[in-house]
All heavy atoms as atom14 arrays in JSON, in Angstrom:
{
  "sequence": "LLLSLRGRALSFVRQRFASVYREDGVPETEIAGRF",
  "atom14_mask": [
    [1, 1, 1, 1, 1, 1, 1, 1, 0, 0, 0, 0, 0, 0],
    [1, 1, 1, 1, 1, 1, 1, 1, 0, 0, 0, 0, 0, 0],
    [1, 1, 1, 1, 1, 1, 1, 1, 0, 0, 0, 0, 0, 0],
    [1, 1, 1, 1, 1, 1, 0, 0, 0, 0, 0, 0, 0, 0],
    [1, 1, 1, 1, 1, 1, 1, 1, 0, 0, 0, 0, 0, 0],
    [1, 1, 1, 1, 1, 1, 1, 1, 1, 1, 1, 0, 0, 0],
    [1, 1, 1, 1, 0, 0, 0, 0, 0, 0, 0, 0, 0, 0],
    [1, 1, 1, 1, 1, 1, 1, 1, 1, 1, 1, 0, 0, 0],
    [1, 1, 1, 1, 1, 0, 0, 0, 0, 0, 0, 0, 0, 0],
    [1, 1, 1, 1, 1, 1, 1, 1, 0, 0, 0, 0, 0, 0],
    [1, 1, 1, 1, 1, 1, 0, 0, 0, 0, 0, 0, 0, 0],
    [1, 1, 1, 1, 1, 1, 1, 1, 1, 1, 1, 0, 0, 0],
    [1, 1, 1, 1, 1, 1, 1, 0, 0, 0, 0, 0, 0, 0],
    [1, 1, 1, 1, 1, 1, 1, 1, 1, 1, 1, 0, 0, 0],
    [1, 1, 1, 1, 1, 1, 1, 1, 1, 0, 0, 0, 0, 0],
    [1, 1, 1, 1, 1, 1, 1, 1, 1, 1, 1, 0, 0, 0],
    [1, 1, 1, 1, 1, 1, 1, 1, 1, 1, 1, 0, 0, 0],
    [1, 1, 1, 1, 1, 0, 0, 0, 0, 0, 0, 0, 0, 0],
    [1, 1, 1, 1, 1, 1, 0, 0, 0, 0, 0, 0, 0, 0],
    [1, 1, 1, 1, 1, 1, 1, 0, 0, 0, 0, 0, 0, 0],
    [1, 1, 1, 1, 1, 1, 1, 1, 1, 1, 1, 1, 0, 0],
    [1, 1, 1, 1, 1, 1, 1, 1, 1, 1, 1, 0, 0, 0],
    [1, 1, 1, 1, 1, 1, 1, 1, 1, 0, 0, 0, 0, 0],
    [1, 1, 1, 1, 1, 1, 1, 1, 0, 0, 0, 0, 0, 0],
    [1, 1, 1, 1, 0, 0, 0, 0, 0, 0, 0, 0, 0, 0],
    [1, 1, 1, 1, 1, 1, 1, 0, 0, 0, 0, 0, 0, 0],
    [1, 1, 1, 1, 1, 1, 1, 0, 0, 0, 0, 0, 0, 0],
    [1, 1, 1, 1, 1, 1, 1, 1, 1, 0, 0, 0, 0, 0],
    [1, 1, 1, 1, 1, 1, 1, 0, 0, 0, 0, 0, 0, 0],
    [1, 1, 1, 1, 1, 1, 1, 1, 1, 0, 0, 0, 0, 0],
    [1, 1, 1, 1, 1, 1, 1, 1, 0, 0, 0, 0, 0, 0],
    [1, 1, 1, 1, 1, 0, 0, 0, 0, 0, 0, 0, 0, 0],
    [1, 1, 1, 1, 0, 0, 0, 0, 0, 0, 0, 0, 0, 0],
    [1, 1, 1, 1, 1, 1, 1, 1, 1, 1, 1, 0, 0, 0],
    [1, 1, 1, 1, 1, 1, 1, 1, 1, 1, 1, 0, 0, 0]
  ],
  "atom14_positions": [
    [[-12.4, -161.01, 25.99], [-11.64, -160.99, 24.73], [-10.16, -160.71, 24.98], [-9.28, -161.32, 24.35], [-12.22, -159.95, 23.77], [-13.49, -160.34, 23.05], [-14.02, -159.16, 22.24], [-13.24, -161.53, 22.15], [0.0, 0.0, 0.0], [0.0, 0.0, 0.0], [0.0, 0.0, 0.0], [0.0, 0.0, 0.0], [0.0, 0.0, 0.0], [0.0, 0.0, 0.0]],
    [[-9.88, -159.78, 25.89], [-8.49, -159.46, 26.2], [-7.78, -160.67, 26.79], [-6.63, -160.96, 26.45], [-8.42, -158.28, 27.16], [-7.03, -157.77, 27.54], [-6.3, -157.28, 26.28], [-7.13, -156.65, 28.54], [0.0, 0.0, 0.0], [0.0, 0.0, 0.0], [0.0, 0.0, 0.0], [0.0, 0.0, 0.0], [0.0, 0.0, 0.0], [0.0, 0.0, 0.0]],
    [[-8.46, -161.39, 27.67], [-7.85, -162.58, 28.26], [-7.69, -163.71, 27.23], [-6.69, -164.42, 27.24], [-8.67, -163.07, 29.44], [-8.56, -162.24, 30.71], [-9.53, -162.76, 31.76], [-7.15, -162.23, 31.24], [0.0, 0.0, 0.0], [0.0, 0.0, 0.0], [0.0, 0.0, 0.0], [0.0, 0.0, 0.0], [0.0, 0.0, 0.0], [0.0, 0.0, 0.0]],
    [[-8.66, -163.87, 26.36], [-8.57, -164.97, 25.39], [-7.59, -164.65, 24.26], [-7.01, -165.56, 23.68], [-9.95, -165.3, 24.83], [-10.47, -164.22, 24.11], [0.0, 0.0, 0.0], [0.0, 0.0, 0.0], [0.0, 0.0, 0.0], [0.0, 0.0, 0.0], [0.0, 0.0, 0.0], [0.0, 0.0, 0.0], [0.0, 0.0, 0.0], [0.0, 0.0, 0.0]],
    [[-7.41, -163.39, 23.96], [-6.48, -163.0, 22.89], [-5.25, -162.31, 23.46], [-4.66, -161.43, 22.82], [-7.19, -162.06, 21.9], [-8.42, -162.63, 21.22], [-9.11, -161.54, 20.4], [-8.06, -163.81, 20.34], [0.0, 0.0, 0.0], [0.0, 0.0, 0.0], [0.0, 0.0, 0.0], [0.0, 0.0, 0.0], [0.0, 0.0, 0.0], [0.0, 0.0, 0.0]],
    [[-4.83, -162.7, 24.66], [-3.75, -161.99, 25.35], [-2.43, -162.1, 24.61], [-1.61, -161.19, 24.67], [-3.62, -162.46, 26.78], [-3.24, -163.9, 26.95], [-3.23, -164.28, 28.43], [-2.93, -165.68, 28.6], [-3.84, -166.61, 28.79], [-5.09, -166.28, 28.84], [-3.49, -167.87, 28.93], [0.0, 0.0, 0.0], [0.0, 0.0, 0.0], [0.0, 0.0, 0.0]],
    [[-2.2, -163.16, 23.88], [-0.97, -163.27, 23.1], [-0.9, -162.22, 22.01], [0.12, -161.58, 21.81], [0.0, 0.0, 0.0], [0.0, 0.0, 0.0], [0.0, 0.0, 0.0], [0.0, 0.0, 0.0], [0.0, 0.0, 0.0], [0.0, 0.0, 0.0], [0.0, 0.0, 0.0], [0.0, 0.0, 0.0], [0.0, 0.0, 0.0], [0.0, 0.0, 0.0]],
    [[-2.01, -162.04, 21.32], [-2.06, -161.02, 20.27], [-2.01, -159.62, 20.86], [-1.36, -158.73, 20.31], [-3.31, -161.17, 19.43], [-3.27, -162.38, 18.54], [-4.47, -162.44, 17.66], [-4.45, -163.66, 16.89], [-4.98, -163.78, 15.71], [-5.62, -162.77, 15.17], [-4.91, -164.92, 15.06], [0.0, 0.0, 0.0], [0.0, 0.0, 0.0], [0.0, 0.0, 0.0]],
    [[-2.69, -159.42, 21.99], [-2.66, -158.1, 22.63], [-1.26, -157.75, 23.09], [-0.8, -156.63, 22.9], [-3.63, -158.07, 23.81], [0.0, 0.0, 0.0], [0.0, 0.0, 0.0], [0.0, 0.0, 0.0], [0.0, 0.0, 0.0], [0.0, 0.0, 0.0], [0.0, 0.0, 0.0], [0.0, 0.0, 0.0], [0.0, 0.0, 0.0], [0.0, 0.0, 0.0]],
    [[-0.57, -158.73, 23.69], [0.8, -158.48, 24.14], [1.73, -158.22, 22.97], [2.58, -157.34, 23.04], [1.29, -159.66, 24.97], [2.64, -159.47, 25.64], [2.57, -158.33, 26.64], [3.09, -160.74, 26.31], [0.0, 0.0, 0.0], [0.0, 0.0, 0.0], [0.0, 0.0, 0.0], [0.0, 0.0, 0.0], [0.0, 0.0, 0.0], [0.0, 0.0, 0.0]],
    [[1.55, -158.94, 21.88], [2.36, -158.71, 20.69], [2.15, -157.31, 20.14], [3.11, -156.62, 19.78], [2.02, -159.75, 19.63], [2.67, -159.47, 18.43], [0.0, 0.0, 0.0], [0.0, 0.0, 0.0], [0.0, 0.0, 0.0], [0.0, 0.0, 0.0], [0.0, 0.0, 0.0], [0.0, 0.0, 0.0], [0.0, 0.0, 0.0], [0.0, 0.0, 0.0]],
    [[0.89, -156.86, 20.09], [0.6, -155.51, 19.61], [1.23, -154.45, 20.51], [1.85, -153.5, 20.03], [-0.92, -155.3, 19.55], [-1.34, -153.89, 19.25], [-1.23, -153.39, 17.97], [-1.81, -153.06, 20.25], [-1.6, -152.09, 17.68], [-2.18, -151.76, 19.98], [-2.06, -151.28, 18.68], [0.0, 0.0, 0.0], [0.0, 0.0, 0.0], [0.0, 0.0, 0.0]],
    [[1.1, -154.64, 21.81], [1.66, -153.66, 22.76], [3.17, -153.63, 22.66], [3.78, -152.56, 22.68], [1.19, -153.99, 24.19], [1.95, -153.17, 25.22], [-0.3, -153.76, 24.33], [0.0, 0.0, 0.0], [0.0, 0.0, 0.0], [0.0, 0.0, 0.0], [0.0, 0.0, 0.0], [0.0, 0.0, 0.0], [0.0, 0.0, 0.0], [0.0, 0.0, 0.0]],
    [[3.79, -154.79, 22.51], [5.25, -154.83, 22.39], [5.73, -154.14, 21.12], [6.76, -153.46, 21.13], [5.74, -156.27, 22.43], [5.72, -156.85, 23.81], [6.31, -158.22, 23.84], [6.4, -158.68, 25.22], [6.98, -159.79, 25.59], [7.51, -160.59, 24.68], [7.03, -160.13, 26.85], [0.0, 0.0, 0.0], [0.0, 0.0, 0.0], [0.0, 0.0, 0.0]],
    [[5.01, -154.29, 20.02], [5.39, -153.61, 18.79], [5.29, -152.1, 18.95], [6.15, -151.36, 18.48], [4.52, -154.08, 17.63], [4.82, -155.47, 17.19], [3.84, -155.95, 16.13], [2.95, -155.23, 15.72], [4.0, -157.19, 15.7], [0.0, 0.0, 0.0], [0.0, 0.0, 0.0], [0.0, 0.0, 0.0], [0.0, 0.0, 0.0], [0.0, 0.0, 0.0]],
    [[4.23, -151.64, 19.63], [4.07, -150.21, 19.86], [5.18, -149.67, 20.76], [5.75, -148.62, 20.5], [2.7, -149.9, 20.48], [1.54, -150.25, 19.61], [1.51, -149.46, 18.32], [1.41, -148.05, 18.62], [1.82, -147.1, 17.81], [2.32, -147.39, 16.64], [1.71, -145.83, 18.15], [0.0, 0.0, 0.0], [0.0, 0.0, 0.0], [0.0, 0.0, 0.0]],
    [[5.51, -150.4, 21.83], [6.58, -149.98, 22.72], [7.91, -149.93, 21.97], [8.69, -149.0, 22.15], [6.7, -150.95, 23.9], [5.87, -150.57, 25.09], [4.48, -150.63, 25.04], [6.46, -150.16, 26.27], [3.72, -150.29, 26.13], [5.7, -149.82, 27.37], [4.33, -149.89, 27.3], [0.0, 0.0, 0.0], [0.0, 0.0, 0.0], [0.0, 0.0, 0.0]],
    [[8.19, -150.95, 21.16], [9.45, -150.99, 20.42], [9.59, -149.8, 19.49], [10.66, -149.19, 19.42], [9.56, -152.3, 19.65], [0.0, 0.0, 0.0], [0.0, 0.0, 0.0], [0.0, 0.0, 0.0], [0.0, 0.0, 0.0], [0.0, 0.0, 0.0], [0.0, 0.0, 0.0], [0.0, 0.0, 0.0], [0.0, 0.0, 0.0], [0.0, 0.0, 0.0]],
    [[8.52, -149.45, 18.8], [8.61, -148.32, 17.87], [8.83, -147.01, 18.64], [9.62, -146.16, 18.2], [7.37, -148.23, 16.99], [6.22, -147.94, 17.76], [0.0, 0.0, 0.0], [0.0, 0.0, 0.0], [0.0, 0.0, 0.0], [0.0, 0.0, 0.0], [0.0, 0.0, 0.0], [0.0, 0.0, 0.0], [0.0, 0.0, 0.0], [0.0, 0.0, 0.0]],
    [[8.18, -146.85, 19.77], [8.37, -145.63, 20.57], [9.78, -145.58, 21.13], [10.43, -144.53, 21.12], [7.32, -145.55, 21.7], [7.65, -144.46, 22.7], [5.93, -145.34, 21.12], [0.0, 0.0, 0.0], [0.0, 0.0, 0.0], [0.0, 0.0, 0.0], [0.0, 0.0, 0.0], [0.0, 0.0, 0.0], [0.0, 0.0, 0.0], [0.0, 0.0, 0.0]],
    [[10.29, -146.7, 21.63], [11.64, -146.72, 22.19], [12.68, -146.45, 21.1], [13.69, -145.78, 21.35], [11.93, -148.06, 22.86], [11.23, -148.25, 24.18], [10.8, -149.49, 24.59], [11.0, -147.17, 25.03], [10.17, -149.67, 25.81], [10.36, -147.34, 26.24], [9.95, -148.58, 26.63], [9.31, -148.77, 27.83], [0.0, 0.0, 0.0], [0.0, 0.0, 0.0]],
    [[12.47, -146.98, 19.91], [13.43, -146.72, 18.82], [13.43, -145.24, 18.45], [14.48, -144.67, 18.17], [13.09, -147.58, 17.61], [13.52, -149.01, 17.79], [13.43, -149.82, 16.51], [13.61, -151.23, 16.82], [12.63, -152.11, 16.96], [11.38, -151.73, 16.8], [12.89, -153.36, 17.24], [0.0, 0.0, 0.0], [0.0, 0.0, 0.0], [0.0, 0.0, 0.0]],
    [[12.24, -144.62, 18.45], [12.17, -143.19, 18.15], [12.87, -142.37, 19.22], [13.44, -141.32, 18.92], [10.71, -142.74, 18.04], [10.0, -143.24, 16.81], [8.51, -142.89, 16.83], [8.05, -142.22, 17.77], [7.81, -143.3, 15.89], [0.0, 0.0, 0.0], [0.0, 0.0, 0.0], [0.0, 0.0, 0.0], [0.0, 0.0, 0.0], [0.0, 0.0, 0.0]],
    [[12.84, -142.85, 20.46], [13.49, -142.12, 21.57], [14.98, -142.4, 21.65], [15.67, -141.81, 22.48], [12.84, -142.49, 22.9], [11.44, -141.92, 23.02], [11.09, -141.01, 22.24], [10.69, -142.38, 23.91], [0.0, 0.0, 0.0], [0.0, 0.0, 0.0], [0.0, 0.0, 0.0], [0.0, 0.0, 0.0], [0.0, 0.0, 0.0], [0.0, 0.0, 0.0]],
    [[15.48, -143.32, 20.82], [16.9, -143.61, 20.79], [17.38, -144.55, 21.89], [18.55, -144.52, 22.26], [0.0, 0.0, 0.0], [0.0, 0.0, 0.0], [0.0, 0.0, 0.0], [0.0, 0.0, 0.0], [0.0, 0.0, 0.0], [0.0, 0.0, 0.0], [0.0, 0.0, 0.0], [0.0, 0.0, 0.0], [0.0, 0.0, 0.0], [0.0, 0.0, 0.0]],
    [[16.5, -145.37, 22.41], [16.89, -146.35, 23.43], [17.66, -147.47, 22.74], [17.23, -147.97, 21.7], [15.63, -146.9, 24.14], [16.01, -147.98, 25.14], [14.87, -145.79, 24.82], [0.0, 0.0, 0.0], [0.0, 0.0, 0.0], [0.0, 0.0, 0.0], [0.0, 0.0, 0.0], [0.0, 0.0, 0.0], [0.0, 0.0, 0.0], [0.0, 0.0, 0.0]],
    [[18.8, -147.88, 23.32], [19.58, -148.97, 22.7], [18.78, -150.27, 22.64], [17.94, -150.54, 23.49], [20.78, -149.13, 23.64], [20.84, -147.87, 24.43], [19.46, -147.33, 24.49], [0.0, 0.0, 0.0], [0.0, 0.0, 0.0], [0.0, 0.0, 0.0], [0.0, 0.0, 0.0], [0.0, 0.0, 0.0], [0.0, 0.0, 0.0], [0.0, 0.0, 0.0]],
    [[19.06, -151.06, 21.61], [18.34, -152.32, 21.39], [18.45, -153.27, 22.58], [17.53, -154.03, 22.86], [18.86, -153.02, 20.13], [18.51, -152.34, 18.83], [17.03, -152.45, 18.49], [16.41, -153.46, 18.85], [16.52, -151.52, 17.86], [0.0, 0.0, 0.0], [0.0, 0.0, 0.0], [0.0, 0.0, 0.0], [0.0, 0.0, 0.0], [0.0, 0.0, 0.0]],
    [[19.58, -153.23, 23.28], [19.76, -154.14, 24.41], [18.82, -153.81, 25.57], [18.46, -154.69, 26.35], [21.21, -154.1, 24.9], [21.56, -152.75, 25.21], [22.15, -154.64, 23.84], [0.0, 0.0, 0.0], [0.0, 0.0, 0.0], [0.0, 0.0, 0.0], [0.0, 0.0, 0.0], [0.0, 0.0, 0.0], [0.0, 0.0, 0.0], [0.0, 0.0, 0.0]],
    [[18.42, -152.56, 25.7], [17.53, -152.16, 26.8], [16.05, -152.3, 26.45], [15.21, -152.36, 27.34], [17.8, -150.72, 27.19], [19.13, -150.49, 27.84], [19.31, -149.05, 28.25], [18.3, -148.39, 28.54], [20.45, -148.59, 28.28], [0.0, 0.0, 0.0], [0.0, 0.0, 0.0], [0.0, 0.0, 0.0], [0.0, 0.0, 0.0], [0.0, 0.0, 0.0]],
    [[15.73, -152.34, 25.17], [14.33, -152.36, 24.75], [13.63, -153.62, 25.26], [12.52, -153.55, 25.79], [14.21, -152.25, 23.21], [14.59, -150.84, 22.78], [12.8, -152.57, 22.76], [14.59, -150.62, 21.28], [0.0, 0.0, 0.0], [0.0, 0.0, 0.0], [0.0, 0.0, 0.0], [0.0, 0.0, 0.0], [0.0, 0.0, 0.0], [0.0, 0.0, 0.0]],
    [[14.27, -154.79, 25.14], [13.64, -156.05, 25.56], [13.35, -156.06, 27.05], [12.34, -156.63, 27.49], [14.53, -157.22, 25.18], [0.0, 0.0, 0.0], [0.0, 0.0, 0.0], [0.0, 0.0, 0.0], [0.0, 0.0, 0.0], [0.0, 0.0, 0.0], [0.0, 0.0, 0.0], [0.0, 0.0, 0.0], [0.0, 0.0, 0.0], [0.0, 0.0, 0.0]],
    [[14.17, -155.43, 27.85], [13.95, -155.41, 29.29], [12.81, -154.5, 29.71], [12.27, -154.63, 30.81], [0.0, 0.0, 0.0], [0.0, 0.0, 0.0], [0.0, 0.0, 0.0], [0.0, 0.0, 0.0], [0.0, 0.0, 0.0], [0.0, 0.0, 0.0], [0.0, 0.0, 0.0], [0.0, 0.0, 0.0], [0.0, 0.0, 0.0], [0.0, 0.0, 0.0]],
    [[12.45, -153.57, 28.87], [11.39, -152.62, 29.21], [10.01, -153.04, 28.73], [9.03, -152.35, 29.0], [11.71, -151.25, 28.6], [12.94, -150.62, 29.18], [13.12, -149.25, 28.63], [14.29, -148.59, 29.17], [14.57, -147.32, 28.97], [13.77, -146.58, 28.24], [15.65, -146.8, 29.49], [0.0, 0.0, 0.0], [0.0, 0.0, 0.0], [0.0, 0.0, 0.0]],
    [[9.9, -154.12, 28.0], [8.61, -154.57, 27.48], [7.67, -154.97, 28.62], [8.11, -155.53, 29.62], [8.77, -155.75, 26.54], [9.23, -155.39, 25.17], [9.99, -156.28, 24.45], [8.89, -154.19, 24.59], [10.41, -155.98, 23.17], [9.3, -153.88, 23.31], [10.07, -154.77, 22.61], [0.0, 0.0, 0.0], [0.0, 0.0, 0.0], [0.0, 0.0, 0.0]]
  ]
}
């Protein structure tokens, strides 16, 4: 399931990472590089 739905899994993980990075005050330019 993880392999077949990897696009959705990656999207979910990226949203979670983005919210955590925003809470930590990481600049928007660095967030994309850390995904």
